[in-house]
């Protein structure tokens, strides 16, 4: 059985949904589970090997330059800091 192909759009949509939930209440007890989901999704992206990189998804979800959402970037940086190949 082959792993499902991950598209950058699907990965960004999933991560955006998780970050939207964290936006509503970052202190909610469910926030721990949401942050774990960010790590799992990052691991899935990193292991996909089909041209999608964590950096590509990070930029799509968080923006770049003046459009960068620093809160979202900080959440992803914290969740992905342990992943191979991730550099904040």
C-alpha atoms as a PDB file:
ATOM      1  CA  UNK A   1       0.000   0.000   0.000  1.00  0.00           C
ATOM      2  CA  UNK A   2       1.434   3.375  -1.024  1.00  0.00           C
ATOM      3  CA  UNK A   3       1.107   6.440   1.224  1.00  0.00           C
ATOM      4  CA  UNK A   4      -1.336   9.087   0.061  1.00  0.00           C
ATOM      5  CA  UNK A   5       0.192  11.954  -1.845  1.00  0.00           C
ATOM      6  CA  UNK A   6       0.086  15.207   0.058  1.00  0.00           C
ATOM      7  CA  UNK A   7      -0.554  18.420  -1.804  1.00  0.00           C
ATOM      8  CA  UNK A   8       0.728  21.708  -0.513  1.00  0.00           C
ATOM      9  CA  UNK A   9      -2.801  23.136  -0.630  1.00  0.00           C
ATOM     10  CA  UNK A  10      -4.256  20.278   1.419  1.00  0.00           C
ATOM     11  CA  UNK A  11      -1.439  20.489   3.957  1.00  0.00           C
ATOM     12  CA  UNK A  12      -1.850  24.263   4.294  1.00  0.00           C
ATOM     13  CA  UNK A  13      -5.622  23.932   4.687  1.00  0.00           C
ATOM     14  CA  UNK A  14      -5.269  21.339   7.444  1.00  0.00           C
ATOM     15  CA  UNK A  15      -2.672  23.379   9.309  1.00  0.00           C
ATOM     16  CA  UNK A  16      -4.712  26.574   8.921  1.00  0.00           C
ATOM     17  CA  UNK A  17      -7.708  24.826  10.463  1.00  0.00           C
ATOM     18  CA  UNK A  18      -5.640  23.779  13.467  1.00  0.00           C
ATOM     19  CA  UNK A  19      -4.205  27.292  13.848  1.00  0.00           C
ATOM     20  CA  UNK A  20      -7.709  28.791  13.586  1.00  0.00           C
ATOM     21  CA  UNK A  21      -8.772  26.632  16.517  1.00  0.00           C
ATOM     22  CA  UNK A  22      -5.748  27.821  18.514  1.00  0.00           C
ATOM     23  CA  UNK A  23      -6.650  31.434  17.627  1.00  0.00           C
ATOM     24  CA  UNK A  24      -9.990  31.078  19.366  1.00  0.00           C
ATOM     25  CA  UNK A  25      -8.498  30.106  22.732  1.00  0.00           C
ATOM     26  CA  UNK A  26      -4.782  29.275  23.001  1.00  0.00           C
ATOM     27  CA  UNK A  27      -5.186  28.379  26.701  1.00  0.00           C
ATOM     28  CA  UNK A  28      -7.965  25.841  26.185  1.00  0.00           C
ATOM     29  CA  UNK A  29      -6.967  22.375  27.449  1.00  0.00           C
ATOM     30  CA  UNK A  30      -7.503  21.145  23.894  1.00  0.00           C
ATOM     31  CA  UNK A  31      -4.609  23.381  22.802  1.00  0.00           C
ATOM     32  CA  UNK A  32      -2.141  20.656  23.825  1.00  0.00           C
ATOM     33  CA  UNK A  33      -3.849  18.232  21.443  1.00  0.00           C
ATOM     34  CA  UNK A  34      -3.966  20.852  18.698  1.00  0.00           C
ATOM     35  CA  UNK A  35      -0.241  21.506  19.028  1.00  0.00           C
ATOM     36  CA  UNK A  36       0.400  17.764  18.865  1.00  0.00           C
ATOM     37  CA  UNK A  37      -1.678  17.687  15.673  1.00  0.00           C
ATOM     38  CA  UNK A  38       0.564  20.414  14.214  1.00  0.00           C
ATOM     39  CA  UNK A  39       3.603  18.230  14.945  1.00  0.00           C
ATOM     40  CA  UNK A  40       1.969  15.156  13.400  1.00  0.00           C
ATOM     41  CA  UNK A  41       1.005  17.090  10.273  1.00  0.00           C
ATOM     42  CA  UNK A  42       4.554  18.483  10.052  1.00  0.00           C
ATOM     43  CA  UNK A  43       5.970  14.970  10.333  1.00  0.00           C
ATOM     44  CA  UNK A  44       3.640  13.843   7.550  1.00  0.00           C
ATOM     45  CA  UNK A  45       4.729  16.728   5.312  1.00  0.00           C
ATOM     46  CA  UNK A  46       8.423  16.188   6.058  1.00  0.00           C
ATOM     47  CA  UNK A  47       8.124  12.506   5.218  1.00  0.00           C
ATOM     48  CA  UNK A  48       6.058  12.933   2.063  1.00  0.00           C
ATOM     49  CA  UNK A  49       9.051  13.242  -0.228  1.00  0.00           C
ATOM     50  CA  UNK A  50       6.976  14.636  -3.054  1.00  0.00           C
ATOM     51  CA  UNK A  51       8.440  18.120  -3.330  1.00  0.00           C
ATOM     52  CA  UNK A  52       6.520  19.734  -0.504  1.00  0.00           C
ATOM     53  CA  UNK A  53       8.708  21.199   2.173  1.00  0.00           C
ATOM     54  CA  UNK A  54       7.853  22.423   5.626  1.00  0.00           C
ATOM     55  CA  UNK A  55       9.107  25.864   4.607  1.00  0.00           C
ATOM     56  CA  UNK A  56       6.712  25.994   1.620  1.00  0.00           C
ATOM     57  CA  UNK A  57       3.742  25.146   3.814  1.00  0.00           C
ATOM     58  CA  UNK A  58       4.900  27.501   6.577  1.00  0.00           C
ATOM     59  CA  UNK A  59       5.082  30.428   4.151  1.00  0.00           C
ATOM     60  CA  UNK A  60       1.710  29.615   2.637  1.00  0.00           C
ATOM     61  CA  UNK A  61       0.013  29.394   6.035  1.00  0.00           C
ATOM     62  CA  UNK A  62       1.828  32.253   7.776  1.00  0.00           C
ATOM     63  CA  UNK A  63       2.651  34.589   4.902  1.00  0.00           C
ATOM     64  CA  UNK A  64       5.959  36.300   4.253  1.00  0.00           C
ATOM     65  CA  UNK A  65       7.373  39.783   4.639  1.00  0.00           C
ATOM     66  CA  UNK A  66       4.885  42.426   5.725  1.00  0.00           C
ATOM     67  CA  UNK A  67       2.027  39.936   5.382  1.00  0.00           C
ATOM     68  CA  UNK A  68       3.584  37.461   7.836  1.00  0.00           C
ATOM     69  CA  UNK A  69       1.332  36.436  10.727  1.00  0.00           C
ATOM     70  CA  UNK A  70       3.814  36.252  13.594  1.00  0.00           C
ATOM     71  CA  UNK A  71       1.476  34.447  16.000  1.00  0.00           C
ATOM     72  CA  UNK A  72       0.834  31.636  13.517  1.00  0.00           C
ATOM     73  CA  UNK A  73       4.538  31.492  12.673  1.00  0.00           C
ATOM     74  CA  UNK A  74       5.428  31.194  16.368  1.00  0.00           C
ATOM     75  CA  UNK A  75       2.952  28.318  16.856  1.00  0.00           C
ATOM     76  CA  UNK A  76       4.358  26.416  13.880  1.00  0.00           C
ATOM     77  CA  UNK A  77       7.969  27.132  14.848  1.00  0.00           C
ATOM     78  CA  UNK A  78       7.310  25.751  18.325  1.00  0.00           C
ATOM     79  CA  UNK A  79       5.532  22.657  17.012  1.00  0.00           C
ATOM     80  CA  UNK A  80       8.037  21.894  14.274  1.00  0.00           C
ATOM     81  CA  UNK A  81      11.297  22.731  16.068  1.00  0.00           C
ATOM     82  CA  UNK A  82      11.960  19.022  16.692  1.00  0.00           C
ATOM     83  CA  UNK A  83      11.332  17.936  13.105  1.00  0.00           C
ATOM     84  CA  UNK A  84      14.295  17.004  10.919  1.00  0.00           C
ATOM     85  CA  UNK A  85      14.981  19.662   8.334  1.00  0.00           C
ATOM     86  CA  UNK A  86      13.035  22.435  10.064  1.00  0.00           C
ATOM     87  CA  UNK A  87      14.808  25.726  10.608  1.00  0.00           C
ATOM     88  CA  UNK A  88      12.762  28.620  11.917  1.00  0.00           C
END
